[in-house]
Amino acid sequence: MGRKAHSGAGGAAMLYRGTYQGGCFCGAIRYAFLDVFVAGYCHCSICRRMSGAPVIAWVNTPRASFRVL
């Protein structure tokens, strides 16, 4: 992951600063975003059912920095 930072736009403290990319497993959709201000994971029954995995990870990023490639 990127390096930790403590300032962000709109008053939100940024957890990590950096450029991140991801996408779906088949590769049809790719995305990129800058900076993470909230990150976590969940293993509740709903998230397990929706993902088909024992746990999911997620992040929140400023909307302006998110783009579909």
PDB file of N, CA and C in Angstrom:
ATOM      1  N   MET A   1       0.827  -1.181   0.000  1.00  0.00           N
ATOM      2  CA  MET A   1       0.000   0.000   0.000  1.00  0.00           C
ATOM      3  C   MET A   1       0.868   1.240   0.000  1.00  0.00           C
ATOM      4  N   GLY A   2       0.238   2.377  -0.137  1.00  0.00           N
ATOM      5  CA  GLY A   2       0.961   3.644  -0.145  1.00  0.00           C
ATOM      6  C   GLY A   2       1.428   4.034   1.242  1.00  0.00           C
ATOM      7  N   ARG A   3       2.016   5.201   1.322  1.00  0.00           N
ATOM      8  CA  ARG A   3       2.517   5.657   2.610  1.00  0.00           C
ATOM      9  C   ARG A   3       1.416   6.347   3.396  1.00  0.00           C
ATOM     10  N   LYS A   4       1.498   6.246   4.726  1.00  0.00           N
ATOM     11  CA  LYS A   4       0.486   6.862   5.582  1.00  0.00           C
ATOM     12  C   LYS A   4       0.595   8.373   5.560  1.00  0.00           C
ATOM     13  N   ALA A   5      -0.539   9.039   5.632  1.00  0.00           N
ATOM     14  CA  ALA A   5      -0.582  10.496   5.683  1.00  0.00           C
ATOM     15  C   ALA A   5      -1.733  10.905   6.589  1.00  0.00           C
ATOM     16  N   HIS A   6      -1.776  12.168   6.967  1.00  0.00           N
ATOM     17  CA  HIS A   6      -2.799  12.603   7.914  1.00  0.00           C
ATOM     18  C   HIS A   6      -3.597  13.810   7.462  1.00  0.00           C
ATOM     19  N   SER A   7      -3.556  14.187   6.199  1.00  0.00           N
ATOM     20  CA  SER A   7      -4.354  15.325   5.752  1.00  0.00           C
ATOM     21  C   SER A   7      -5.094  14.962   4.483  1.00  0.00           C
ATOM     22  N   GLY A   8      -6.271  15.550   4.302  1.00  0.00           N
ATOM     23  CA  GLY A   8      -7.042  15.234   3.115  1.00  0.00           C
ATOM     24  C   GLY A   8      -7.997  16.335   2.732  1.00  0.00           C
ATOM     25  N   ALA A   9      -8.560  16.210   1.562  1.00  0.00           N
ATOM     26  CA  ALA A   9      -9.512  17.194   1.059  1.00  0.00           C
ATOM     27  C   ALA A   9     -10.824  17.071   1.819  1.00  0.00           C
ATOM     28  N   GLY A  10     -11.504  18.159   1.985  1.00  0.00           N
ATOM     29  CA  GLY A  10     -12.816  18.138   2.614  1.00  0.00           C
ATOM     30  C   GLY A  10     -12.780  17.830   4.098  1.00  0.00           C
ATOM     31  N   GLY A  11     -11.626  17.973   4.732  1.00  0.00           N
ATOM     32  CA  GLY A  11     -11.518  17.731   6.155  1.00  0.00           C
ATOM     33  C   GLY A  11     -11.317  16.277   6.540  1.00  0.00           C
ATOM     34  N   ALA A  12     -11.399  15.351   5.587  1.00  0.00           N
ATOM     35  CA  ALA A  12     -11.204  13.933   5.896  1.00  0.00           C
ATOM     36  C   ALA A  12      -9.719  13.620   5.963  1.00  0.00           C
ATOM     37  N   ALA A  13      -9.304  12.956   7.012  1.00  0.00           N
ATOM     38  CA  ALA A  13      -7.901  12.558   7.141  1.00  0.00           C
ATOM     39  C   ALA A  13      -7.642  11.370   6.222  1.00  0.00           C
ATOM     40  N   MET A  14      -6.590  11.453   5.437  1.00  0.00           N
ATOM     41  CA  MET A  14      -6.239  10.362   4.532  1.00  0.00           C
ATOM     42  C   MET A  14      -5.465   9.295   5.297  1.00  0.00           C
ATOM     43  N   LEU A  15      -5.900   8.071   5.157  1.00  0.00           N
ATOM     44  CA  LEU A  15      -5.231   6.944   5.796  1.00  0.00           C
ATOM     45  C   LEU A  15      -3.979   6.563   5.015  1.00  0.00           C
ATOM     46  N   TYR A  16      -4.110   6.478   3.694  1.00  0.00           N
ATOM     47  CA  TYR A  16      -2.983   6.162   2.810  1.00  0.00           C
ATOM     48  C   TYR A  16      -3.008   7.095   1.614  1.00  0.00           C
ATOM     49  N   ARG A  17      -1.855   7.576   1.224  1.00  0.00           N
ATOM     50  CA  ARG A  17      -1.722   8.365   0.009  1.00  0.00           C
ATOM     51  C   ARG A  17      -1.036   7.507  -1.025  1.00  0.00           C
ATOM     52  N   GLY A  18      -1.517   7.564  -2.258  1.00  0.00           N
ATOM     53  CA  GLY A  18      -0.909   6.788  -3.325  1.00  0.00           C
ATOM     54  C   GLY A  18      -1.894   6.550  -4.445  1.00  0.00           C
ATOM     55  N   THR A  19      -1.459   5.838  -5.465  1.00  0.00           N
ATOM     56  CA  THR A  19      -2.301   5.455  -6.597  1.00  0.00           C
ATOM     57  C   THR A  19      -2.571   3.966  -6.496  1.00  0.00           C
ATOM     58  N   TYR A  20      -3.816   3.586  -6.630  1.00  0.00           N
ATOM     59  CA  TYR A  20      -4.230   2.191  -6.510  1.00  0.00           C
ATOM     60  C   TYR A  20      -5.027   1.805  -7.734  1.00  0.00           C
ATOM     61  N   GLN A  21      -4.912   0.548  -8.163  1.00  0.00           N
ATOM     62  CA  GLN A  21      -5.672   0.017  -9.292  1.00  0.00           C
ATOM     63  C   GLN A  21      -6.275  -1.318  -8.904  1.00  0.00           C
ATOM     64  N   GLY A  22      -7.378  -1.653  -9.532  1.00  0.00           N
ATOM     65  CA  GLY A  22      -8.033  -2.925  -9.279  1.00  0.00           C
ATOM     66  C   GLY A  22      -9.013  -3.235 -10.387  1.00  0.00           C
ATOM     67  N   GLY A  23      -9.811  -4.266 -10.184  1.00  0.00           N
ATOM     68  CA  GLY A  23     -10.803  -4.638 -11.173  1.00  0.00           C
ATOM     69  C   GLY A  23     -11.455  -5.952 -10.833  1.00  0.00           C
ATOM     70  N   CYS A  24     -12.343  -6.373 -11.689  1.00  0.00           N
ATOM     71  CA  CYS A  24     -13.027  -7.645 -11.494  1.00  0.00           C
ATOM     72  C   CYS A  24     -12.115  -8.798 -11.909  1.00  0.00           C
ATOM     73  N   PHE A  25     -12.470  -9.990 -11.494  1.00  0.00           N
ATOM     74  CA  PHE A  25     -11.639 -11.162 -11.743  1.00  0.00           C
ATOM     75  C   PHE A  25     -11.474 -11.457 -13.240  1.00  0.00           C
ATOM     76  N   CYS A  26     -12.533 -11.261 -14.027  1.00  0.00           N
ATOM     77  CA  CYS A  26     -12.448 -11.581 -15.463  1.00  0.00           C
ATOM     78  C   CYS A  26     -11.675 -10.523 -16.248  1.00  0.00           C
ATOM     79  N   GLY A  27     -11.435  -9.345 -15.641  1.00  0.00           N
ATOM     80  CA  GLY A  27     -10.667  -8.297 -16.298  1.00  0.00           C
ATOM     81  C   GLY A  27     -11.494  -7.347 -17.151  1.00  0.00           C
ATOM     82  N   ALA A  28     -12.812  -7.535 -17.209  1.00  0.00           N
ATOM     83  CA  ALA A  28     -13.662  -6.677 -18.045  1.00  0.00           C
ATOM     84  C   ALA A  28     -13.735  -5.248 -17.507  1.00  0.00           C
ATOM     85  N   ILE A  29     -13.617  -5.085 -16.210  1.00  0.00           N
ATOM     86  CA  ILE A  29     -13.693  -3.760 -15.604  1.00  0.00           C
ATOM     87  C   ILE A  29     -12.414  -3.510 -14.820  1.00  0.00           C
ATOM     88  N   ARG A  30     -11.774  -2.376 -15.088  1.00  0.00           N
ATOM     89  CA  ARG A  30     -10.576  -1.954 -14.358  1.00  0.00           C
ATOM     90  C   ARG A  30     -10.828  -0.554 -13.832  1.00  0.00           C
ATOM     91  N   TYR A  31     -10.263  -0.227 -12.695  1.00  0.00           N
ATOM     92  CA  TYR A  31     -10.436   1.089 -12.105  1.00  0.00           C
ATOM     93  C   TYR A  31      -9.145   1.530 -11.438  1.00  0.00           C
ATOM     94  N   ALA A  32      -9.055   2.821 -11.170  1.00  0.00           N
ATOM     95  CA  ALA A  32      -7.915   3.392 -10.457  1.00  0.00           C
ATOM     96  C   ALA A  32      -8.440   4.490  -9.552  1.00  0.00           C
ATOM     97  N   PHE A  33      -7.739   4.725  -8.451  1.00  0.00           N
ATOM     98  CA  PHE A  33      -8.107   5.816  -7.558  1.00  0.00           C
ATOM     99  C   PHE A  33      -6.878   6.282  -6.787  1.00  0.00           C
ATOM    100  N   LEU A  34      -6.987   7.485  -6.259  1.00  0.00           N
ATOM    101  CA  LEU A  34      -5.929   8.080  -5.447  1.00  0.00           C
ATOM    102  C   LEU A  34      -6.421   8.188  -4.016  1.00  0.00           C
ATOM    103  N   ASP A  35      -5.584   7.879  -3.079  1.00  0.00           N
ATOM    104  CA  ASP A  35      -5.808   8.136  -1.667  1.00  0.00           C
ATOM    105  C   ASP A  35      -6.967   7.325  -1.063  1.00  0.00           C
ATOM    106  N   VAL A  36      -6.748   6.864   0.133  1.00  0.00           N
ATOM    107  CA  VAL A  36      -7.726   6.099   0.899  1.00  0.00           C
ATOM    108  C   VAL A  36      -7.949   6.829   2.213  1.00  0.00           C
ATOM    109  N   PHE A  37      -9.230   7.125   2.541  1.00  0.00           N
ATOM    110  CA  PHE A  37      -9.468   7.759   3.825  1.00  0.00           C
ATOM    111  C   PHE A  37     -10.155   6.842   4.825  1.00  0.00           C
ATOM    112  N   VAL A  38     -10.691   5.717   4.400  1.00  0.00           N
ATOM    113  CA  VAL A  38     -11.230   4.695   5.295  1.00  0.00           C
ATOM    114  C   VAL A  38     -10.977   3.345   4.633  1.00  0.00           C
ATOM    115  N   ALA A  39     -10.553   2.361   5.415  1.00  0.00           N
ATOM    116  CA  ALA A  39     -10.344   1.013   4.898  1.00  0.00           C
ATOM    117  C   ALA A  39     -10.749   0.017   5.969  1.00  0.00           C
ATOM    118  N   GLY A  40     -11.173  -1.154   5.551  1.00  0.00           N
ATOM    119  CA  GLY A  40     -11.561  -2.166   6.526  1.00  0.00           C
ATOM    120  C   GLY A  40     -11.847  -3.492   5.874  1.00  0.00           C
ATOM    121  N   TYR A  41     -12.407  -4.369   6.653  1.00  0.00           N
ATOM    122  CA  TYR A  41     -12.813  -5.673   6.151  1.00  0.00           C
ATOM    123  C   TYR A  41     -14.090  -6.097   6.871  1.00  0.00           C
ATOM    124  N   CYS A  42     -14.775  -7.064   6.293  1.00  0.00           N
ATOM    125  CA  CYS A  42     -16.024  -7.547   6.884  1.00  0.00           C
ATOM    126  C   CYS A  42     -16.154  -9.043   6.643  1.00  0.00           C
ATOM    127  N   HIS A  43     -16.725  -9.736   7.606  1.00  0.00           N
ATOM    128  CA  HIS A  43     -16.973 -11.165   7.459  1.00  0.00           C
ATOM    129  C   HIS A  43     -18.381 -11.522   7.936  1.00  0.00           C
ATOM    130  N   CYS A  44     -19.296 -10.546   7.834  1.00  0.00           N
ATOM    131  CA  CYS A  44     -20.691 -10.824   8.203  1.00  0.00           C
ATOM    132  C   CYS A  44     -21.316 -11.766   7.171  1.00  0.00           C
ATOM    133  N   SER A  45     -22.447 -12.340   7.506  1.00  0.00           N
ATOM    134  CA  SER A  45     -23.085 -13.315   6.623  1.00  0.00           C
ATOM    135  C   SER A  45     -23.491 -12.698   5.283  1.00  0.00           C
ATOM    136  N   ILE A  46     -23.911 -11.447   5.271  1.00  0.00           N
ATOM    137  CA  ILE A  46     -24.311 -10.798   4.017  1.00  0.00           C
ATOM    138  C   ILE A  46     -23.108 -10.623   3.098  1.00  0.00           C
ATOM    139  N   CYS A  47     -22.001 -10.103   3.623  1.00  0.00           N
ATOM    140  CA  CYS A  47     -20.799  -9.918   2.800  1.00  0.00           C
ATOM    141  C   CYS A  47     -20.234 -11.252   2.326  1.00  0.00           C
ATOM    142  N   ARG A  48     -20.267 -12.266   3.176  1.00  0.00           N
ATOM    143  CA  ARG A  48     -19.793 -13.596   2.759  1.00  0.00           C
ATOM    144  C   ARG A  48     -20.667 -14.143   1.630  1.00  0.00           C
ATOM    145  N   ARG A  49     -21.974 -13.961   1.742  1.00  0.00           N
ATOM    146  CA  ARG A  49     -22.894 -14.462   0.708  1.00  0.00           C
ATOM    147  C   ARG A  49     -22.709 -13.704  -0.609  1.00  0.00           C
ATOM    148  N   MET A  50     -22.564 -12.374  -0.545  1.00  0.00           N
ATOM    149  CA  MET A  50     -22.429 -11.561  -1.760  1.00  0.00           C
ATOM    150  C   MET A  50     -21.098 -11.790  -2.478  1.00  0.00           C
ATOM    151  N   SER A  51     -20.039 -12.048  -1.729  1.00  0.00           N
ATOM    152  CA  SER A  51     -18.718 -12.195  -2.352  1.00  0.00           C
ATOM    153  C   SER A  51     -18.329 -13.644  -2.606  1.00  0.00           C
ATOM    154  N   GLY A  52     -18.955 -14.581  -1.906  1.00  0.00           N
ATOM    155  CA  GLY A  52     -18.558 -15.978  -2.032  1.00  0.00           C
ATOM    156  C   GLY A  52     -17.219 -16.252  -1.370  1.00  0.00           C
ATOM    157  N   ALA A  53     -16.812 -15.374  -0.475  1.00  0.00           N
ATOM    158  CA  ALA A  53     -15.520 -15.495   0.205  1.00  0.00           C
ATOM    159  C   ALA A  53     -15.740 -15.401   1.715  1.00  0.00           C
ATOM    160  N   PRO A  54     -14.788 -15.870   2.501  1.00  0.00           N
ATOM    161  CA  PRO A  54     -14.955 -15.794   3.952  1.00  0.00           C
ATOM    162  C   PRO A  54     -14.801 -14.385   4.523  1.00  0.00           C
ATOM    163  N   VAL A  55     -14.174 -13.471   3.761  1.00  0.00           N
ATOM    164  CA  VAL A  55     -13.972 -12.097   4.210  1.00  0.00           C
ATOM    165  C   VAL A  55     -13.787 -11.202   2.980  1.00  0.00           C
ATOM    166  N   ILE A  56     -14.206  -9.932   3.088  1.00  0.00           N
ATOM    167  CA  ILE A  56     -13.967  -8.975   2.009  1.00  0.00           C
ATOM    168  C   ILE A  56     -13.229  -7.768   2.577  1.00  0.00           C
ATOM    169  N   ALA A  57     -12.430  -7.141   1.750  1.00  0.00           N
ATOM    170  CA  ALA A  57     -11.746  -5.901   2.115  1.00  0.00           C
ATOM    171  C   ALA A  57     -12.354  -4.773   1.295  1.00  0.00           C
ATOM    172  N   TRP A  58     -12.406  -3.575   1.856  1.00  0.00           N
ATOM    173  CA  TRP A  58     -12.989  -2.430   1.151  1.00  0.00           C
ATOM    174  C   TRP A  58     -12.247  -1.159   1.533  1.00  0.00           C
ATOM    175  N   VAL A  59     -12.379  -0.154   0.682  1.00  0.00           N
ATOM    176  CA  VAL A  59     -11.794   1.163   0.938  1.00  0.00           C
ATOM    177  C   VAL A  59     -12.776   2.242   0.503  1.00  0.00           C
ATOM    178  N   ASN A  60     -12.667   3.405   1.116  1.00  0.00           N
ATOM    179  CA  ASN A  60     -13.372   4.613   0.675  1.00  0.00           C
ATOM    180  C   ASN A  60     -12.327   5.580   0.170  1.00  0.00           C
ATOM    181  N   THR A  61     -12.626   6.202  -0.956  1.00  0.00           N
ATOM    182  CA  THR A  61     -11.710   7.137  -1.592  1.00  0.00           C
ATOM    183  C   THR A  61     -12.499   8.364  -2.034  1.00  0.00           C
ATOM    184  N   PRO A  62     -11.884   9.507  -2.134  1.00  0.00           N
ATOM    185  CA  PRO A  62     -12.622  10.676  -2.629  1.00  0.00           C
ATOM    186  C   PRO A  62     -13.205  10.411  -4.034  1.00  0.00           C
ATOM    187  N   ARG A  63     -14.445  10.759  -4.231  1.00  0.00           N
ATOM    188  CA  ARG A  63     -15.141  10.491  -5.497  1.00  0.00           C
ATOM    189  C   ARG A  63     -14.388  11.069  -6.697  1.00  0.00           C
ATOM    190  N   ALA A  64     -13.834  12.258  -6.545  1.00  0.00           N
ATOM    191  CA  ALA A  64     -13.141  12.922  -7.653  1.00  0.00           C
ATOM    192  C   ALA A  64     -11.907  12.146  -8.107  1.00  0.00           C
ATOM    193  N   SER A  65     -11.335  11.299  -7.249  1.00  0.00           N
ATOM    194  CA  SER A  65     -10.113  10.591  -7.623  1.00  0.00           C
ATOM    195  C   SER A  65     -10.388   9.228  -8.253  1.00  0.00           C
ATOM    196  N   PHE A  66     -11.645   8.766  -8.252  1.00  0.00           N
ATOM    197  CA  PHE A  66     -11.984   7.446  -8.797  1.00  0.00           C
ATOM    198  C   PHE A  66     -12.263   7.542 -10.286  1.00  0.00           C
ATOM    199  N   ARG A  67     -11.709   6.609 -11.063  1.00  0.00           N
ATOM    200  CA  ARG A  67     -12.010   6.559 -12.519  1.00  0.00           C
ATOM    201  C   ARG A  67     -11.979   5.129 -13.021  1.00  0.00           C
ATOM    202  N   VAL A  68     -12.841   4.858 -13.980  1.00  0.00           N
ATOM    203  CA  VAL A  68     -12.867   3.565 -14.662  1.00  0.00           C
ATOM    204  C   VAL A  68     -11.888   3.659 -15.824  1.00  0.00           C
ATOM    205  N   LEU A  69     -11.014   2.666 -15.950  1.00  0.00           N
ATOM    206  CA  LEU A  69      -9.993   2.692 -17.008  1.00  0.00           C
ATOM    207  C   LEU A  69     -10.505   2.089 -18.301  1.00  0.00           C
TER     208      LEU A  69
END
